[in-house]
Protein backbone atom coordinates (compact mmCIF):
# COMPACT_ATOMS: atom_id res chain seq x y z
CA UNK A 1 47.09 -45.77 14.57
CA UNK A 2 43.40 -46.78 14.87
CA UNK A 3 41.57 -49.45 12.89
CA UNK A 4 38.73 -48.45 10.59
CA UNK A 5 35.54 -50.25 11.74
CA UNK A 6 34.37 -50.73 8.14
CA UNK A 7 37.77 -51.92 6.92
CA UNK A 8 39.92 -53.46 9.70
CA UNK A 9 42.99 -53.68 7.45
CA UNK A 10 43.03 -49.88 7.01
CA UNK A 11 44.48 -47.91 9.91
CA UNK A 12 43.48 -44.27 10.50
CA UNK A 13 45.90 -41.68 11.91
CA UNK A 14 45.12 -40.40 15.37
CA UNK A 15 46.40 -37.10 16.67
CA UNK A 16 48.91 -37.72 19.47
CA UNK A 17 47.95 -36.54 22.93
CA UNK A 18 50.33 -33.87 24.23
CA UNK A 19 50.48 -32.29 27.65
CA UNK A 20 48.05 -32.82 30.53
CA UNK A 21 44.62 -34.35 29.86
CA UNK A 22 41.94 -31.93 28.77
CA UNK A 23 39.15 -31.08 31.23
CA UNK A 24 35.84 -32.73 30.64
CA UNK A 25 33.23 -30.89 28.58
CA UNK A 26 29.58 -30.30 29.47
CA UNK A 27 27.07 -32.50 27.66
CA UNK A 28 23.39 -31.52 27.98
CA UNK A 29 20.25 -32.71 26.22
CA UNK A 30 16.60 -31.63 26.31
CA UNK A 31 13.89 -34.26 26.82
CA UNK A 32 10.27 -33.43 26.06
CA UNK A 33 7.45 -35.94 25.88
CA UNK A 34 9.88 -38.78 26.65
CA UNK A 35 12.05 -38.02 23.59
CA UNK A 36 15.40 -36.30 23.26
CA UNK A 37 14.77 -33.31 20.99
CA UNK A 38 18.17 -31.58 21.14
CA UNK A 39 21.72 -32.13 22.47
CA UNK A 40 24.68 -29.79 22.94
CA UNK A 41 28.34 -30.49 23.77
CA UNK A 42 30.32 -27.46 24.91
CA UNK A 43 34.07 -27.93 24.33
CA UNK A 44 34.78 -24.54 25.84
CA UNK A 45 33.71 -23.38 29.26
CA UNK A 46 30.81 -21.14 28.30
CA UNK A 47 27.33 -20.49 29.76
CA UNK A 48 24.31 -22.55 28.67
CA UNK A 49 20.84 -20.99 28.56
CA UNK A 50 17.33 -22.27 27.82
CA UNK A 51 14.10 -20.46 26.90
CA UNK A 52 11.82 -19.33 24.07
CA UNK A 53 14.17 -16.57 22.87
CA UNK A 54 16.16 -17.09 19.67
CA UNK A 55 19.54 -16.39 21.32
CA UNK A 56 19.39 -19.23 23.84
CA UNK A 57 21.51 -22.39 23.62
CA UNK A 58 18.29 -24.44 23.75
CA UNK A 59 15.36 -22.72 22.03
CA UNK A 60 12.13 -24.33 23.32
CA UNK A 61 8.70 -23.10 22.20
CA UNK A 62 6.96 -23.74 25.51
CA UNK A 63 4.79 -20.96 27.03
CA UNK A 64 5.58 -22.19 30.54
CA UNK A 65 9.29 -21.43 30.10
CA UNK A 66 10.75 -17.94 30.55
CA UNK A 67 12.13 -16.07 27.56
CA UNK A 68 15.66 -16.86 28.71
CA UNK A 69 17.25 -18.54 31.75
CA UNK A 70 20.96 -19.23 32.23
CA UNK A 71 20.93 -22.78 33.59
CA UNK A 72 24.72 -23.26 33.67
CA UNK A 73 27.07 -20.38 34.39
CA UNK A 74 30.87 -20.19 34.49
CA UNK A 75 32.72 -18.74 37.46
CA UNK A 76 36.47 -19.08 37.96
CA UNK A 77 36.76 -21.61 35.15
CA UNK A 78 34.21 -23.97 36.75
CA UNK A 79 30.55 -24.55 35.99
CA UNK A 80 27.79 -23.75 38.46
CA UNK A 81 24.14 -24.81 38.36
CA UNK A 82 21.63 -21.92 38.58
CA UNK A 83 18.04 -22.86 39.59
CA UNK A 84 14.79 -21.04 40.32
CA UNK A 85 12.36 -21.75 43.17
CA UNK A 86 9.99 -23.71 40.88
CA UNK A 87 12.62 -26.05 39.38
CA UNK A 88 12.88 -29.64 40.60
CA UNK A 89 15.38 -32.45 39.98
CA UNK A 90 18.35 -34.41 41.29
CA UNK A 91 22.14 -34.11 41.19
CA UNK A 92 24.38 -37.17 41.50
CA UNK A 93 28.00 -37.23 42.64
CA UNK A 94 29.85 -40.52 43.18
CA UNK A 95 26.68 -42.40 42.19
CA UNK A 96 24.67 -40.87 45.04
CA UNK A 97 21.61 -38.97 43.69
CA UNK A 98 20.34 -36.16 45.90
CA UNK A 99 17.25 -34.06 45.18
CA UNK A 100 17.24 -30.27 45.20
CA UNK A 101 15.29 -30.00 48.47
CA UNK A 102 17.97 -32.01 50.31
CA UNK A 103 20.73 -29.95 48.71
CA UNK A 104 19.03 -26.78 49.93
CA UNK A 105 18.72 -28.21 53.42
CA UNK A 106 22.42 -29.20 53.42
CA UNK A 107 23.44 -25.73 52.24
CA UNK A 108 24.94 -26.98 48.98
CA UNK A 109 22.35 -25.02 47.00
CA UNK A 110 22.95 -21.47 48.20
CA UNK A 111 20.46 -18.72 47.55
CA UNK A 112 21.81 -15.72 45.69
CA UNK A 113 19.08 -13.14 45.05
CA UNK A 114 16.14 -14.86 43.31
CA UNK A 115 18.16 -17.98 42.35
CA UNK A 116 19.82 -20.99 43.96
CA UNK A 117 23.44 -21.66 42.89
CA UNK A 118 25.52 -24.85 43.25
CA UNK A 119 29.16 -25.26 42.08
CA UNK A 120 29.76 -28.31 39.86
CA UNK A 121 32.80 -30.46 39.14
CA UNK A 122 33.53 -33.01 36.45
CA UNK A 123 31.96 -35.83 38.52
CA UNK A 124 28.50 -34.30 38.77
CA UNK A 125 25.58 -35.32 36.66
CA UNK A 126 21.86 -34.84 37.05
CA UNK A 127 18.43 -33.84 35.76
CA UNK A 128 16.54 -30.53 35.99
CA UNK A 129 12.74 -30.42 35.55
CA UNK A 130 11.23 -27.21 34.10
CA UNK A 131 7.52 -27.82 33.60
CA UNK A 132 7.11 -30.42 30.81
CA UNK A 133 10.78 -30.08 29.81
CA UNK A 134 13.68 -31.98 31.39
CA UNK A 135 17.38 -31.13 30.97
CA UNK A 136 19.84 -34.01 31.57
CA UNK A 137 23.52 -33.10 31.98
CA UNK A 138 26.88 -34.77 32.63
CA UNK A 139 30.58 -34.11 32.06
CA UNK A 140 32.28 -36.31 29.45
CA UNK A 141 35.81 -36.67 28.05
CA UNK A 142 36.07 -34.71 24.77
CA UNK A 143 36.72 -36.92 21.73
CA UNK A 144 40.18 -36.56 20.13
CA UNK A 145 40.52 -34.01 17.38
CA UNK A 146 40.80 -35.69 13.96
CA UNK A 147 44.15 -35.39 12.24
CA UNK A 148 44.40 -33.01 9.32
CA UNK A 149 44.21 -35.06 6.12
CA UNK A 150 47.24 -34.87 3.82
CA UNK A 151 47.75 -36.07 0.28
CA UNK A 152 50.55 -38.57 -0.38
CA UNK A 153 53.76 -37.28 -1.96
CA UNK A 154 52.95 -38.89 -5.32
CA UNK A 155 49.66 -36.97 -5.48
CA UNK A 156 51.03 -33.70 -4.18
CA UNK A 157 53.63 -33.31 -6.96
CA UNK A 158 56.39 -30.68 -6.96
CA UNK A 159 56.86 -27.02 -7.80
CA UNK A 160 58.45 -27.78 -11.19
CA UNK A 161 55.48 -29.86 -12.26
CA UNK A 162 53.05 -27.09 -11.40
CA UNK A 163 54.70 -24.52 -13.74
CA UNK A 164 53.09 -23.79 -17.12
CA UNK A 165 56.26 -23.82 -19.21
CA UNK A 166 54.86 -22.39 -22.52
CA UNK A 167 53.38 -19.41 -20.70
CA UNK A 168 56.54 -18.94 -18.62
CA UNK A 169 58.70 -18.99 -21.80
CA UNK A 170 56.51 -16.38 -23.53
CA UNK A 171 56.67 -14.16 -20.47
CA UNK A 172 60.47 -14.41 -20.31
CA UNK A 173 60.86 -13.60 -24.03
CA UNK A 174 58.64 -10.52 -23.68
CA UNK A 175 60.71 -9.30 -20.75
CA UNK A 176 64.00 -9.76 -22.70
CA UNK A 177 62.69 -7.77 -25.69
CA UNK A 178 61.04 -4.92 -23.80
CA UNK A 179 63.54 -4.43 -20.97
CA UNK A 180 66.09 -2.45 -23.15
CA UNK A 181 63.35 -0.17 -24.48
CA UNK A 182 62.06 0.55 -21.00
CA UNK A 183 65.59 1.26 -19.81
CA UNK A 184 66.26 3.67 -22.71
CA UNK A 185 63.05 5.62 -22.02
CA UNK A 186 64.11 6.03 -18.41
CA UNK A 187 67.62 7.39 -19.19
CA UNK A 188 66.97 9.28 -22.47
CA UNK A 189 67.25 13.12 -22.26
CA UNK A 190 64.06 15.14 -22.54
CA UNK A 191 63.59 17.29 -25.72
CA UNK A 192 63.73 21.08 -25.21
CA UNK A 193 60.47 22.98 -25.07
CA UNK A 194 59.61 24.98 -28.24
CA UNK A 195 57.71 28.30 -28.06
CA UNK A 196 55.39 29.71 -30.75
CA UNK A 197 58.03 32.24 -31.88
CA UNK A 198 60.47 29.42 -32.76
CA UNK A 199 57.97 27.45 -34.82
CA UNK A 200 58.26 27.25 -38.58
CA UNK A 201 55.72 29.34 -40.53
CA UNK A 202 54.21 26.19 -41.99
CA UNK A 203 53.35 24.87 -38.53
CA UNK A 204 52.06 28.27 -37.48
CA UNK A 205 49.50 28.21 -40.32
CA UNK A 206 48.27 24.81 -39.18
CA UNK A 207 47.87 26.01 -35.62
CA UNK A 208 46.30 29.43 -36.43
CA UNK A 209 44.51 29.28 -39.84
CA UNK A 210 43.90 32.47 -41.84
CA UNK A 211 40.44 34.02 -41.61
CA UNK A 212 38.46 34.37 -44.81
CA UNK A 213 36.49 37.52 -45.51
CA UNK A 214 32.75 37.00 -45.43
CA UNK A 215 30.81 38.20 -48.54
CA UNK A 216 28.58 41.24 -48.07
CA UNK A 217 24.86 40.52 -47.83
CA UNK A 218 22.56 42.32 -50.25
CA UNK A 219 19.40 43.90 -48.77
CA UNK A 220 16.55 42.31 -50.69
CA UNK A 221 13.70 43.48 -48.45
CA UNK A 222 13.01 46.59 -50.52
CA UNK A 223 11.88 44.67 -53.58
CA UNK A 224 9.65 42.35 -51.60
CA UNK A 225 7.62 45.04 -49.80
CA UNK A 226 5.02 45.40 -52.54
CA UNK A 227 4.61 41.66 -52.99
CA UNK A 228 4.08 41.17 -49.22
CA UNK A 229 1.40 43.85 -49.12
CA UNK A 230 -0.45 42.16 -51.98
CA UNK A 231 -0.37 38.79 -50.24
CA UNK A 232 -1.74 40.31 -47.00
CA UNK A 233 -4.63 41.91 -48.87
CA UNK A 234 -5.49 38.62 -50.59
CA UNK A 235 -5.51 36.77 -47.26
CA UNK A 236 -7.82 39.38 -45.68
CA UNK A 237 -10.25 39.07 -48.59
CA UNK A 238 -10.29 35.27 -48.30
CA UNK A 239 -11.01 35.44 -44.56
CA UNK A 240 -13.92 37.82 -45.15
CA UNK A 241 -15.43 35.48 -47.76
CA UNK A 242 -15.12 32.52 -45.37
CA UNK A 243 -16.90 34.50 -42.60
CA UNK A 244 -19.74 35.35 -44.99
CA UNK A 245 -20.13 31.70 -46.00
CA UNK A 246 -20.32 30.57 -42.34
CA UNK A 247 -23.01 33.17 -41.56
CA UNK A 248 -25.03 32.03 -44.55
CA UNK A 249 -24.75 28.40 -43.53
CA UNK A 250 -25.96 29.23 -39.99
CA UNK A 251 -29.02 31.06 -41.33
CA UNK A 252 -29.92 28.18 -43.67
CA UNK A 253 -29.61 25.67 -40.82
CA UNK A 254 -31.91 27.75 -38.57
CA UNK A 255 -34.50 28.01 -41.34
CA UNK A 256 -34.50 24.22 -41.88
CA UNK A 257 -34.94 23.61 -38.16
CA UNK A 258 -37.93 26.01 -37.93
CA UNK A 259 -39.58 24.39 -40.98
CA UNK A 260 -39.27 20.90 -39.45
CA UNK A 261 -40.78 22.05 -36.14
CA UNK A 262 -43.70 23.70 -37.97
CA UNK A 263 -44.41 20.54 -40.00
CA UNK A 264 -44.62 18.21 -36.98
CA UNK A 265 -46.32 20.61 -34.52
CA UNK A 266 -49.89 19.48 -35.31
CA UNK A 267 -49.32 15.75 -35.82
CA UNK A 268 -49.90 12.77 -33.51
CA UNK A 269 -49.51 13.25 -29.77
CA UNK A 270 -47.95 16.69 -30.36
CA UNK A 271 -51.37 17.85 -31.59
CA UNK A 272 -52.87 17.01 -28.21
CA UNK A 273 -49.91 18.20 -26.11
CA UNK A 274 -49.86 21.65 -27.71
CA UNK A 275 -48.05 24.65 -26.36
CA UNK A 276 -49.62 26.67 -23.59
CA UNK A 277 -51.01 30.08 -24.34
CA UNK A 278 -54.00 31.95 -25.68
CA UNK A 279 -55.36 31.50 -29.18
CA UNK A 280 -56.93 28.71 -31.18
CA UNK A 281 -53.67 26.90 -31.78
CA UNK A 282 -53.21 25.92 -28.12
CA UNK A 283 -53.62 22.20 -27.41
CA UNK A 284 -56.14 20.54 -25.18
CA UNK A 285 -53.69 19.69 -22.42
CA UNK A 286 -52.34 23.23 -22.48
CA UNK A 287 -55.84 24.61 -21.99
CA UNK A 288 -56.47 22.29 -19.05
CA UNK A 289 -53.19 22.86 -17.18
CA UNK A 290 -52.91 26.55 -17.95
CA UNK A 291 -53.54 29.22 -15.39
CA UNK A 292 -57.14 28.85 -14.21
CA UNK A 293 -57.70 25.90 -16.56
CA UNK A 294 -58.93 23.48 -13.94
CA UNK A 295 -61.56 25.89 -12.67
CA UNK A 296 -62.72 26.79 -16.20
CA UNK A 297 -64.76 24.95 -18.83
CA UNK A 298 -63.32 21.42 -18.72
CA UNK A 299 -65.91 20.18 -21.23
CA UNK A 300 -64.55 22.66 -23.76
CA UNK A 301 -60.99 21.83 -22.87
CA UNK A 302 -61.46 18.19 -23.89
CA UNK A 303 -63.25 19.14 -27.10
CA UNK A 304 -62.03 16.95 -29.95
CA UNK A 305 -60.77 14.05 -27.78
CA UNK A 306 -62.82 10.91 -28.42
CA UNK A 307 -64.22 8.80 -25.56
CA UNK A 308 -63.76 11.32 -22.75
CA UNK A 309 -66.74 12.81 -20.89
CA UNK A 310 -67.35 15.01 -17.86
CA UNK A 311 -69.98 14.48 -15.18
CA UNK A 312 -72.30 17.36 -14.36
CA UNK A 313 -73.42 18.30 -10.88
CA UNK A 314 -76.67 16.28 -11.29
CA UNK A 315 -74.86 13.15 -12.24
CA UNK A 316 -75.31 13.45 -16.03
CA UNK A 317 -72.25 13.00 -18.16
CA UNK A 318 -71.39 14.01 -21.69
CA UNK A 319 -69.09 12.29 -24.16
CA UNK A 320 -66.81 13.54 -26.88
CA UNK A 321 -66.04 11.96 -30.18
CA UNK A 322 -67.62 8.99 -31.87
CA UNK A 323 -66.68 6.27 -29.43
CA UNK A 324 -69.34 3.67 -28.43
CA UNK A 325 -68.09 3.12 -24.87
CA UNK A 326 -69.43 4.86 -21.80
CA UNK A 327 -67.64 7.94 -20.58
CA UNK A 328 -65.98 7.76 -17.17
CA UNK A 329 -67.76 9.75 -14.45
CA UNK A 330 -65.93 11.81 -11.84
CA UNK A 331 -69.10 13.19 -10.25
CA UNK A 332 -68.44 11.15 -7.15
CA UNK A 333 -65.23 13.10 -6.55
CA UNK A 334 -66.85 16.56 -6.81
CA UNK A 335 -66.82 18.70 -3.66
CA UNK A 336 -69.66 20.83 -2.37
CA UNK A 337 -69.62 24.43 -3.45
CA UNK A 338 -68.67 26.10 -6.65
CA UNK A 339 -65.18 27.30 -5.83
CA UNK A 340 -62.48 27.31 -8.47
CA UNK A 341 -59.27 25.38 -8.16
CA UNK A 342 -56.09 27.03 -9.38
CA UNK A 343 -52.81 25.28 -10.30
CA UNK A 344 -49.95 26.93 -8.45
CA UNK A 345 -46.34 26.85 -9.58
CA UNK A 346 -44.30 23.79 -8.48
CA UNK A 347 -40.94 24.38 -6.79
CA UNK A 348 -38.72 21.72 -5.22
CA UNK A 349 -37.33 22.75 -1.81
CA UNK A 350 -33.67 21.77 -1.36
CA UNK A 351 -32.90 20.14 1.97
CA UNK A 352 -29.36 20.97 3.07
CA UNK A 353 -27.24 20.19 6.06
CA UNK A 354 -23.76 20.89 7.38
CA UNK A 355 -21.01 18.43 8.35
CA UNK A 356 -18.24 19.23 10.82
CA UNK A 357 -15.42 17.07 12.13
CA UNK A 358 -13.45 16.68 15.31
CA UNK A 359 -9.78 15.79 15.72
CA UNK A 360 -9.24 12.11 14.82
CA UNK A 361 -7.60 9.55 17.12
CA UNK A 362 -4.76 7.71 15.35
CA UNK A 363 -3.32 4.50 16.84
CA UNK A 364 -0.02 4.08 14.97
CA UNK A 365 2.89 5.90 13.29
CA UNK A 366 0.88 8.36 11.17
CA UNK A 367 0.26 12.09 11.58
CA UNK A 368 -3.38 12.78 12.53
CA UNK A 369 -3.30 16.09 10.62
CA UNK A 370 -2.38 14.23 7.42
CA UNK A 371 -5.41 11.94 7.91
CA UNK A 372 -7.71 14.90 8.63
CA UNK A 373 -6.46 16.69 5.50
CA UNK A 374 -7.52 13.76 3.28
CA UNK A 375 -10.96 13.59 4.93
CA UNK A 376 -11.57 17.36 4.66
CA UNK A 377 -10.74 17.24 0.95
CA UNK A 378 -13.57 14.67 0.51
CA UNK A 379 -16.01 16.12 3.04
CA UNK A 380 -18.49 16.92 0.26
CA UNK A 381 -18.96 13.15 -0.29
CA UNK A 382 -19.86 12.73 3.40
CA UNK A 383 -22.30 15.66 3.22
CA UNK A 384 -23.98 14.08 0.18
CA UNK A 385 -24.64 10.90 2.21
CA UNK A 386 -26.23 13.03 4.96
CA UNK A 387 -28.40 15.18 2.66
CA UNK A 388 -29.73 12.08 0.89
CA UNK A 389 -31.24 10.83 4.17
CA UNK A 390 -32.15 14.36 5.30
CA UNK A 391 -34.78 14.48 2.52
CA UNK A 392 -36.58 11.57 4.21
CA UNK A 393 -36.22 12.99 7.73
CA UNK A 394 -35.53 16.78 7.90
CA UNK A 395 -34.90 16.53 11.68
CA UNK A 396 -32.07 14.01 11.27
CA UNK A 397 -28.96 15.08 13.18
CA UNK A 398 -26.31 13.71 15.49
CA UNK A 399 -22.77 12.33 15.62
CA UNK A 400 -21.23 9.29 13.91
CA UNK A 401 -17.74 7.91 14.66
CA UNK A 402 -16.12 5.91 11.85
CA UNK A 403 -13.28 3.55 12.73
CA UNK A 404 -11.07 2.42 9.83
CA UNK A 405 -7.67 0.78 9.35
CA UNK A 406 -5.03 2.15 6.92
CA UNK A 407 -2.69 -0.49 5.49
CA UNK A 408 1.02 -0.18 4.73
CA UNK A 409 0.25 1.02 1.16
CA UNK A 410 -2.11 3.81 2.30
CA UNK A 411 -5.34 1.98 1.32
CA UNK A 412 -8.28 1.41 3.68
CA UNK A 413 -8.29 -2.32 4.52
CA UNK A 414 -11.18 -2.27 7.04
CA UNK A 415 -13.90 0.20 8.11
CA UNK A 416 -16.89 0.12 10.47
CA UNK A 417 -19.24 2.42 12.44
CA UNK A 418 -17.77 2.66 15.94
CA UNK A 419 -20.59 4.82 17.39
CA UNK A 420 -23.87 6.12 15.90
CA UNK A 421 -25.76 8.80 17.85
CA UNK A 422 -27.85 9.87 14.86
CA UNK A 423 -30.24 6.94 14.60
CA UNK A 424 -29.72 6.35 10.87
CA UNK A 425 -27.66 3.37 9.73
CA UNK A 426 -27.91 4.45 6.08
CA UNK A 427 -25.66 7.50 6.61
CA UNK A 428 -22.92 5.42 8.26
CA UNK A 429 -23.09 2.69 5.59
CA UNK A 430 -22.86 5.31 2.82
CA UNK A 431 -19.77 6.91 4.41
CA UNK A 432 -18.03 3.52 4.76
CA UNK A 433 -18.74 2.58 1.12
CA UNK A 434 -17.10 5.80 -0.08
CA UNK A 435 -14.27 5.69 2.48
CA UNK A 436 -12.95 2.37 1.12
CA UNK A 437 -11.80 4.05 -2.12
CA UNK A 438 -9.82 6.86 -0.42
CA UNK A 439 -6.00 6.87 -0.35
CA UNK A 440 -4.08 8.10 2.71
CA UNK A 441 -0.32 8.68 3.29
CA UNK A 442 1.66 5.49 3.86
CA UNK A 443 2.21 4.90 7.60
CA UNK A 444 5.59 4.03 9.09
CA UNK A 445 5.94 0.68 10.81
CA UNK A 446 2.78 -1.14 9.73
CA UNK A 447 -0.95 -0.42 9.59
CA UNK A 448 -2.72 2.15 11.82
CA UNK A 449 -6.28 2.44 13.17
CA UNK A 450 -8.13 5.77 13.00
CA UNK A 451 -11.31 6.87 14.84
CA UNK A 452 -12.83 9.83 12.98
CA UNK A 453 -15.95 11.63 14.36
CA UNK A 454 -18.46 13.47 12.10
CA UNK A 455 -21.12 15.87 13.41
CA UNK A 456 -24.25 16.39 11.25
CA UNK A 457 -26.58 19.40 11.64
CA UNK A 458 -29.55 20.33 9.40
CA UNK A 459 -29.61 23.86 7.98
CA UNK A 460 -32.22 26.16 9.46
């Protein structure tokens, strides 16, 4: 028995020691920055490793340490110390510390491949320096195993006290009542099988009921033929009347529209901006901008517009209307000679270009053809960015490489112009702004980076 340190009067049970004494166990602790950060006691003879990997005995997040290094190995039931060339430290046996250099010189640390190995016994202890980390080890006597706690007899009770007697009585009564019935079912003879021929006629009627004759249907289509024809004729007549009403409504609407246009044609600004063409009803602006109007009689064209005058070749000017202000002169802009100026037809020339692509470079688990398929489906958007700038510079051409990153959900998370051999930043910025809204297939194993080249050529 052992006394409890908190209560000396209470004695604790101690497991008796049987057989030979147990071998000492390895006790190792890691010291970093002058503080013990972790300690391990190995009851069984098993290897001890240290490193930054998660499967080591001591996991140390130090970049100077290897991912894993087995510092203590087991061979023949005994520990052995395994060191590298860069490790330093001391080993003490019988209170005589010896450094690793001396142990190597004495042949106690034997080189095996890239490591130095030294067998250890239970009397060895020491310190191993690995960069900023120190490992201190020694062999200690294992503490006794605590005895298994047991409840006293008064608290443990007995089997009879643990039985639920009301439930046990109900279960026994049910067994007594149902056991004879179960036994009779097991030994009772089976009834003979009965065929349909041996059944009573009453049971046969229940199994196979008699079929009732269905009443004959009377053909009533003959009497309804005339009535159906009359209904069809009435429907045709109604449809024709509705078509006539719609045609009449369309004509009335067209007449109202023409009357409104006629009533407002000569009022306000519409009187000045009249329709082009010959005749007295043509407006002043129509006469000026008509074919040959600029080279014709401009003074007559502005007839009826107040405050507007035309300068003659000698510098005189005439005015129209009753305004008191001076008429503006355009004599200073007249050119020498009497040639006529004609107004040609205006046509807007469409500037077009073509866009071609090269095979993309994909860095990640995603098919390059799947990426190219998405881009080709939206190639018209890229061409629109090019043609917009081609109107400003018809000679614009070259190659632009767009680098973008596709996230795990298939969306574009980042995009930039990797190379621009065109000389226009606006085209690359336009492509990136539209690329951010595109959706690509979801990559496997994280995001991928794509480099996609576009080649732009103006149409001849």
